[in-house]
């Protein structure tokens, strides 16, 4: 995977700000489950999922 964790996190933070009205501290305090729950209505049903293993791989790439 060529994406790195930090740019994806920044993009998700922007989505949370625009669509949810969250400030950065609210985004960073939210758990992945909370974020997924509130964003679920915005994601197409056939969109690929993300699991813990993928998040860990992205984090490893970010620190490589």
Protein backbone atom coordinates (compact mmCIF):
# COMPACT_ATOMS: atom_id res chain seq x y z
CA UNK A 1 0.00 0.00 0.00
CA UNK A 2 1.45 3.33 -1.02
CA UNK A 3 -0.66 5.50 1.29
CA UNK A 4 0.89 6.56 4.55
CA UNK A 5 -1.00 6.87 7.83
CA UNK A 6 -0.40 10.58 8.51
CA UNK A 7 -1.86 11.91 5.22
CA UNK A 8 -4.88 9.63 5.58
CA UNK A 9 -5.41 10.80 9.17
CA UNK A 10 -5.23 14.44 8.03
CA UNK A 11 -7.78 13.73 5.30
CA UNK A 12 -10.11 12.02 7.79
CA UNK A 13 -9.71 14.95 10.15
CA UNK A 14 -10.82 17.26 7.33
CA UNK A 15 -13.83 15.07 6.59
CA UNK A 16 -14.77 15.09 10.27
CA UNK A 17 -14.44 18.88 10.37
CA UNK A 18 -16.50 19.50 7.22
CA UNK A 19 -19.22 16.92 7.62
CA UNK A 20 -19.45 16.53 11.39
CA UNK A 21 -18.36 19.95 12.60
CA UNK A 22 -15.64 18.36 14.74
CA UNK A 23 -12.64 20.37 15.88
CA UNK A 24 -9.22 18.64 15.73
CA UNK A 25 -9.26 17.69 19.42
CA UNK A 26 -12.66 16.04 18.99
CA UNK A 27 -11.35 14.03 16.04
CA UNK A 28 -8.24 12.84 17.91
CA UNK A 29 -10.22 11.88 21.02
CA UNK A 30 -12.68 9.79 18.99
CA UNK A 31 -12.13 6.07 18.72
CA UNK A 32 -12.00 4.44 15.27
CA UNK A 33 -15.37 2.81 16.04
CA UNK A 34 -16.93 6.19 16.87
CA UNK A 35 -15.57 7.72 13.68
CA UNK A 36 -16.75 4.78 11.57
CA UNK A 37 -20.20 4.92 13.17
CA UNK A 38 -20.79 8.59 12.45
CA UNK A 39 -19.31 8.42 8.94
CA UNK A 40 -21.15 5.22 7.95
CA UNK A 41 -24.07 7.07 6.32
CA UNK A 42 -21.58 8.90 4.06
CA UNK A 43 -19.84 5.74 2.81
CA UNK A 44 -21.26 3.73 -0.10
CA UNK A 45 -22.35 0.23 0.89
CA UNK A 46 -19.91 -1.40 -1.55
CA UNK A 47 -16.87 0.56 -0.30
CA UNK A 48 -13.94 -1.60 0.88
CA UNK A 49 -13.60 -1.89 4.65
CA UNK A 50 -10.67 -1.13 6.91
CA UNK A 51 -9.54 -3.39 9.70
CA UNK A 52 -7.02 -3.22 12.52
CA UNK A 53 -4.37 -5.02 10.46
CA UNK A 54 -4.61 -2.40 7.71
CA UNK A 55 -4.35 0.45 10.23
CA UNK A 56 -1.28 -1.17 11.80
CA UNK A 57 0.37 -1.61 8.37
CA UNK A 58 -0.31 2.05 7.56
CA UNK A 59 1.17 3.14 10.89
CA UNK A 60 4.26 1.00 10.30
CA UNK A 61 4.77 2.62 6.89
CA UNK A 62 4.46 6.05 8.45
CA UNK A 63 7.29 5.33 10.86
CA UNK A 64 9.52 3.54 8.31
